[in-house]
Amino acid sequence: MSRRKQQGGLEPYQLATLNIWENISEWALNIYNLPLAGHDGEQDTGQLESSLRARAQLEKEGFPSEGDPDYLRSKGAPGLWMVSKNTGHGTSPLVRQRLDLFLKEWGDKGQSSPDHIRFVTYTTRYNRDYWISVDGLSKHYERADVDAQRRGGVYDIKTNNITRLGLRETDHAKQIRIDGQDLKVKSAPEVTLARNGSAWKVDKNSRASGLHKTHALQGPIDDAFIDPFLLVRPTGTPWSDEVNQQALRSLARFDRMWPGSSAAILIRRMTRT
């Protein structure tokens, strides 16, 4: 069965937007700089499948799993993958013990700014990782990658599907090599790089000019339910009864799914002019 049929006949441009919702496989590389413990019960097949897919994707990215089948670590990335044997939707005492050790291990280390970042995104809504910000994509909802290393004041960066990149913690930056191109830079708290065609340059303007997609303004799919919003309930005589009935069905579904949010519905009269 094709992926399109599996997703209810959605068009390719619609399927692409689904990469930003709960598809852990597509985002798995981001545990490179973020410790992650994946766990599911051996008999909780639906949930277990999610962990297995994420681990399989990391292995494709070049981070093999090592250890026992129910207690694996990702080599080269801080990933831990555990399975509670003979357990459904729950955690066995052994896995709880192992998880506590994992949390203590990384809690004792504390958070620090890494010199090597691997980051993937599909939208400028989710665009920051420590000292980098992906501020522009060639094509939204397609995978964009950053592999950035810093050594002293020298930065070596590789990108894919990115047109604008922000760097922070660059007070001692001297040189940036990005996608094989060398750029001389002046030290500053932040440096912005912009790509035109295949050529990169240092952009002295912190924000791009003109109309373009950027962080927190790239929707509508990404933004629609992130910030507060109002639902308008139709009243009076509608222009189209069919549209009115669909609106009422949508509001009823909203009430079922988020019953505590009914106070956000603004009642406004919608009548013929």
Protein backbone atom coordinates (compact mmCIF):
# COMPACT_ATOMS: atom_id res chain seq x y z
CA MET A 1 0.00 0.00 0.00
CA SER A 2 1.34 3.43 -0.92
CA ARG A 3 2.06 6.00 1.78
CA ARG A 4 -0.53 8.28 0.21
CA LYS A 5 -3.27 5.66 0.58
CA GLN A 6 -2.14 4.95 4.14
CA GLN A 7 -2.56 8.64 4.95
CA GLY A 8 -6.11 8.89 3.65
CA GLY A 9 -5.36 10.00 0.11
CA LEU A 10 -3.53 13.20 1.07
CA GLU A 11 -1.56 15.02 -1.60
CA PRO A 12 2.27 15.12 -1.40
CA TYR A 13 2.28 18.76 -0.28
CA GLN A 14 -0.12 17.81 2.52
CA LEU A 15 1.90 14.77 3.57
CA ALA A 16 5.02 16.94 3.81
CA THR A 17 3.47 19.05 6.58
CA LEU A 18 2.95 15.93 8.71
CA ASN A 19 6.70 15.74 9.32
CA ILE A 20 6.30 18.34 12.08
CA TRP A 21 3.76 16.30 14.08
CA GLU A 22 4.81 13.38 16.29
CA ASN A 23 7.02 11.68 13.70
CA ILE A 24 9.94 10.92 15.95
CA SER A 25 11.84 9.11 13.21
CA GLU A 26 12.19 12.29 11.12
CA TRP A 27 13.57 14.20 14.11
CA ALA A 28 15.66 11.43 15.68
CA LEU A 29 19.04 13.00 14.83
CA ASN A 30 18.37 15.80 17.33
CA ILE A 31 19.27 13.55 20.24
CA TYR A 32 22.90 14.13 19.20
CA ASN A 33 22.90 17.08 21.61
CA LEU A 34 19.98 16.03 23.78
CA PRO A 35 20.10 12.93 26.02
CA LEU A 36 17.08 10.75 25.32
CA ALA A 37 15.87 7.59 27.00
CA GLY A 38 13.44 5.61 24.89
CA HIS A 39 11.34 3.00 26.67
CA ASP A 40 8.30 0.81 26.12
CA GLY A 41 6.84 -2.39 27.46
CA GLU A 42 7.63 -5.54 25.52
CA GLN A 43 3.90 -6.29 25.15
CA ASP A 44 2.89 -2.70 24.36
CA THR A 45 3.37 -3.19 20.64
CA GLY A 46 1.97 0.13 19.43
CA GLN A 47 4.15 2.29 21.66
CA LEU A 48 7.16 0.02 21.29
CA GLU A 49 7.05 0.54 17.54
CA SER A 50 7.78 4.26 17.99
CA SER A 51 11.00 3.59 19.90
CA LEU A 52 12.08 0.94 17.42
CA ARG A 53 11.58 3.34 14.50
CA ALA A 54 13.52 6.13 16.19
CA ARG A 55 16.41 3.81 17.03
CA ALA A 56 16.44 2.41 13.48
CA GLN A 57 16.62 5.94 12.07
CA LEU A 58 19.56 6.81 14.30
CA GLU A 59 21.35 3.73 13.06
CA LYS A 60 20.77 4.95 9.48
CA GLU A 61 22.24 8.31 10.53
CA GLY A 62 25.45 6.55 11.60
CA PHE A 63 24.85 5.86 15.29
CA PRO A 64 24.71 2.07 15.81
CA SER A 65 23.14 0.51 18.90
CA GLU A 66 25.28 -1.47 21.33
CA GLY A 67 24.39 -3.69 24.27
CA ASP A 68 21.66 -6.16 25.14
CA PRO A 69 18.39 -6.14 23.15
CA ASP A 70 16.47 -4.68 26.10
CA TYR A 71 19.24 -2.25 27.13
CA LEU A 72 20.91 -0.54 24.16
CA ARG A 73 22.95 2.63 23.86
CA SER A 74 23.53 4.65 20.70
CA LYS A 75 27.24 4.80 19.90
CA GLY A 76 28.24 8.41 19.31
CA ALA A 77 24.97 9.93 20.60
CA PRO A 78 23.42 10.08 24.11
CA GLY A 79 20.57 7.71 23.36
CA LEU A 80 19.40 4.90 25.68
CA TRP A 81 16.84 2.35 24.49
CA MET A 82 15.14 0.10 27.02
CA VAL A 83 12.41 -2.53 26.95
CA SER A 84 10.49 -3.71 30.01
CA LYS A 85 10.26 -7.47 29.54
CA ASN A 86 6.87 -9.16 29.98
CA THR A 87 5.28 -5.75 30.49
CA GLY A 88 2.43 -3.93 28.79
CA HIS A 89 1.94 -0.17 29.01
CA GLY A 90 4.19 0.29 32.02
CA THR A 91 7.73 0.19 33.43
CA SER A 92 9.39 -2.78 35.07
CA PRO A 93 11.38 -2.28 38.32
CA LEU A 94 14.63 -3.05 36.46
CA VAL A 95 13.99 -0.45 33.77
CA ARG A 96 12.97 2.12 36.39
CA GLN A 97 16.32 1.54 38.10
CA ARG A 98 18.19 1.91 34.82
CA LEU A 99 16.25 5.05 33.93
CA ASP A 100 17.05 6.63 37.30
CA LEU A 101 20.75 5.98 36.71
CA PHE A 102 20.52 7.55 33.25
CA LEU A 103 18.83 10.66 34.64
CA LYS A 104 21.40 10.97 37.43
CA GLU A 105 24.27 10.53 34.97
CA TRP A 106 23.16 13.44 32.80
CA GLY A 107 21.84 15.51 35.68
CA ASP A 108 25.26 15.38 37.37
CA LYS A 109 26.95 16.44 34.12
CA GLY A 110 24.66 19.43 33.79
CA GLN A 111 23.98 21.38 30.62
CA SER A 112 26.83 22.90 28.66
CA SER A 113 27.14 24.47 25.23
CA PRO A 114 28.61 21.82 22.88
CA ASP A 115 31.34 22.50 20.33
CA HIS A 116 29.75 20.11 17.82
CA ILE A 117 26.09 20.41 16.89
CA ARG A 118 24.00 18.12 14.70
CA PHE A 119 20.54 19.51 14.08
CA VAL A 120 17.61 18.71 11.80
CA THR A 121 14.34 20.56 11.25
CA TYR A 122 11.55 20.82 8.71
CA THR A 123 10.29 24.30 9.62
CA THR A 124 11.55 27.57 11.06
CA ARG A 125 9.01 27.13 13.87
CA TYR A 126 11.50 24.72 15.49
CA ASN A 127 14.81 26.31 14.56
CA ARG A 128 17.19 26.68 17.53
CA ASP A 129 19.82 24.39 19.00
CA TYR A 130 22.28 25.94 21.46
CA TRP A 131 24.31 28.47 19.44
CA ILE A 132 22.68 28.03 16.02
CA SER A 133 19.36 29.22 14.58
CA VAL A 134 17.95 28.10 11.26
CA ASP A 135 16.25 31.29 10.08
CA GLY A 136 15.52 30.41 6.46
CA LEU A 137 14.83 27.26 4.44
CA SER A 138 15.03 26.73 0.70
CA LYS A 139 11.86 24.66 0.94
CA HIS A 140 9.72 24.30 4.03
CA TYR A 141 8.59 20.86 5.22
CA GLU A 142 11.62 19.22 3.62
CA ARG A 143 14.52 18.10 5.77
CA ALA A 144 17.08 20.80 6.64
CA ASP A 145 20.37 19.85 8.31
CA VAL A 146 23.19 21.63 10.13
CA ASP A 147 26.47 19.98 11.09
CA ALA A 148 28.49 22.68 12.88
CA GLN A 149 31.80 22.42 14.75
CA ARG A 150 33.88 25.13 16.40
CA ARG A 151 37.54 24.99 17.36
CA GLY A 152 38.76 28.15 18.97
CA GLY A 153 37.67 30.92 16.63
CA VAL A 154 37.27 28.68 13.57
CA TYR A 155 33.85 27.34 12.59
CA ASP A 156 33.29 24.47 10.15
CA ILE A 157 29.66 24.18 9.04
CA LYS A 158 27.80 21.98 6.58
CA THR A 159 24.19 22.67 5.68
CA ASN A 160 21.38 21.27 3.59
CA ASN A 161 18.20 23.11 2.50
CA ILE A 162 19.13 26.24 4.50
CA THR A 163 19.28 29.82 3.23
CA ARG A 164 19.82 31.75 6.44
CA LEU A 165 21.74 30.73 9.56
CA GLY A 166 22.25 32.57 12.83
CA LEU A 167 25.27 31.90 15.05
CA ARG A 168 25.61 32.92 18.69
CA GLU A 169 28.52 32.72 21.15
CA THR A 170 30.77 34.09 18.40
CA ASP A 171 32.69 36.64 20.50
CA HIS A 172 35.96 35.01 19.46
CA ALA A 173 35.05 33.97 15.92
CA LYS A 174 37.77 34.58 13.30
CA GLN A 175 36.83 32.41 10.35
CA ILE A 176 33.82 30.46 9.17
CA ARG A 177 33.93 27.69 6.60
CA ILE A 178 30.42 26.88 5.41
CA ASP A 179 29.64 24.35 2.70
CA GLY A 180 33.26 24.58 1.51
CA GLN A 181 33.30 28.38 1.35
CA ASP A 182 35.61 30.45 3.58
CA LEU A 183 34.26 33.63 5.18
CA LYS A 184 36.22 36.08 7.29
CA VAL A 185 34.20 37.47 10.16
CA LYS A 186 34.59 40.02 12.92
CA SER A 187 34.04 38.83 16.44
CA ALA A 188 30.59 39.68 17.76
CA PRO A 189 27.99 38.15 20.09
CA GLU A 190 26.01 37.03 17.02
CA VAL A 191 26.77 36.46 13.33
CA THR A 192 24.17 36.02 10.60
CA LEU A 193 24.95 34.11 7.40
CA ALA A 194 22.78 34.31 4.28
CA ARG A 195 22.91 32.25 1.10
CA ASN A 196 22.17 33.55 -2.36
CA GLY A 197 22.20 30.68 -4.85
CA SER A 198 25.22 28.61 -3.84
CA ALA A 199 27.19 31.50 -2.29
CA TRP A 200 27.19 32.39 1.40
CA LYS A 201 27.96 35.81 2.86
CA VAL A 202 27.97 37.51 6.23
CA ASP A 203 24.74 39.51 6.50
CA LYS A 204 25.12 42.64 8.60
CA ASN A 205 21.35 42.91 8.92
CA SER A 206 20.12 40.70 11.73
CA ARG A 207 16.78 40.25 9.94
CA ALA A 208 16.12 39.55 6.29
CA SER A 209 14.27 42.19 4.32
CA GLY A 210 11.06 41.62 2.41
CA LEU A 211 8.31 39.06 2.83
CA HIS A 212 9.52 35.63 3.80
CA LYS A 213 8.88 32.77 6.18
CA THR A 214 10.64 33.08 9.50
CA HIS A 215 10.44 31.76 13.05
CA ALA A 216 6.91 32.08 14.53
CA LEU A 217 5.62 33.44 11.22
CA GLN A 218 5.83 30.56 8.78
CA GLY A 219 2.44 28.85 9.12
CA PRO A 220 -0.40 28.55 8.85
CA ILE A 221 -0.14 24.86 9.75
CA ASP A 222 2.74 25.34 12.21
CA ASP A 223 1.23 28.35 13.94
CA ALA A 224 -2.50 27.69 13.99
CA PHE A 225 -2.75 26.14 17.47
CA ILE A 226 0.52 27.31 19.06
CA ASP A 227 -0.67 30.74 20.22
CA PRO A 228 -4.02 31.72 21.81
CA PHE A 229 -6.93 31.86 19.40
CA LEU A 230 -10.69 32.37 19.34
CA LEU A 231 -13.38 30.20 17.81
CA VAL A 232 -16.36 32.09 16.39
CA ARG A 233 -19.69 30.27 16.68
CA PRO A 234 -22.08 31.07 13.81
CA THR A 235 -25.54 32.41 14.68
CA GLY A 236 -28.39 33.91 12.74
CA THR A 237 -29.08 33.18 9.08
CA PRO A 238 -25.99 31.76 7.28
CA TRP A 239 -24.94 32.53 3.74
CA SER A 240 -24.55 28.79 3.16
CA ASP A 241 -26.32 26.18 5.24
CA GLU A 242 -23.79 23.55 4.18
CA VAL A 243 -20.86 25.65 5.40
CA ASN A 244 -22.76 26.49 8.58
CA GLN A 245 -23.39 22.83 9.39
CA GLN A 246 -19.73 22.00 8.83
CA ALA A 247 -18.70 24.84 11.14
CA LEU A 248 -21.03 23.55 13.85
CA ARG A 249 -19.66 20.02 13.47
CA SER A 250 -16.12 21.35 13.79
CA LEU A 251 -17.00 23.30 16.93
CA ALA A 252 -18.71 20.26 18.46
CA ARG A 253 -15.62 18.17 17.78
CA PHE A 254 -13.45 20.84 19.36
CA ASP A 255 -15.64 20.78 22.48
CA ARG A 256 -15.31 17.00 22.69
CA MET A 257 -11.54 17.04 22.35
CA TRP A 258 -10.81 20.10 24.50
CA PRO A 259 -13.80 20.48 26.85
CA GLY A 260 -11.98 22.93 29.13
CA SER A 261 -11.48 25.40 26.30
CA SER A 262 -15.12 26.29 25.65
CA ALA A 263 -14.65 29.67 27.34
CA ALA A 264 -12.42 30.66 24.43
CA ILE A 265 -15.32 30.51 21.98
CA LEU A 266 -16.48 33.97 21.06
CA ILE A 267 -20.14 34.13 20.04
CA ARG A 268 -20.63 36.61 17.26
CA ARG A 269 -23.58 37.18 15.02
CA MET A 270 -23.00 36.28 11.39
CA THR A 271 -25.87 37.39 9.14
CA ARG A 272 -26.51 38.48 5.61
CA THR A 273 -25.50 42.02 4.69
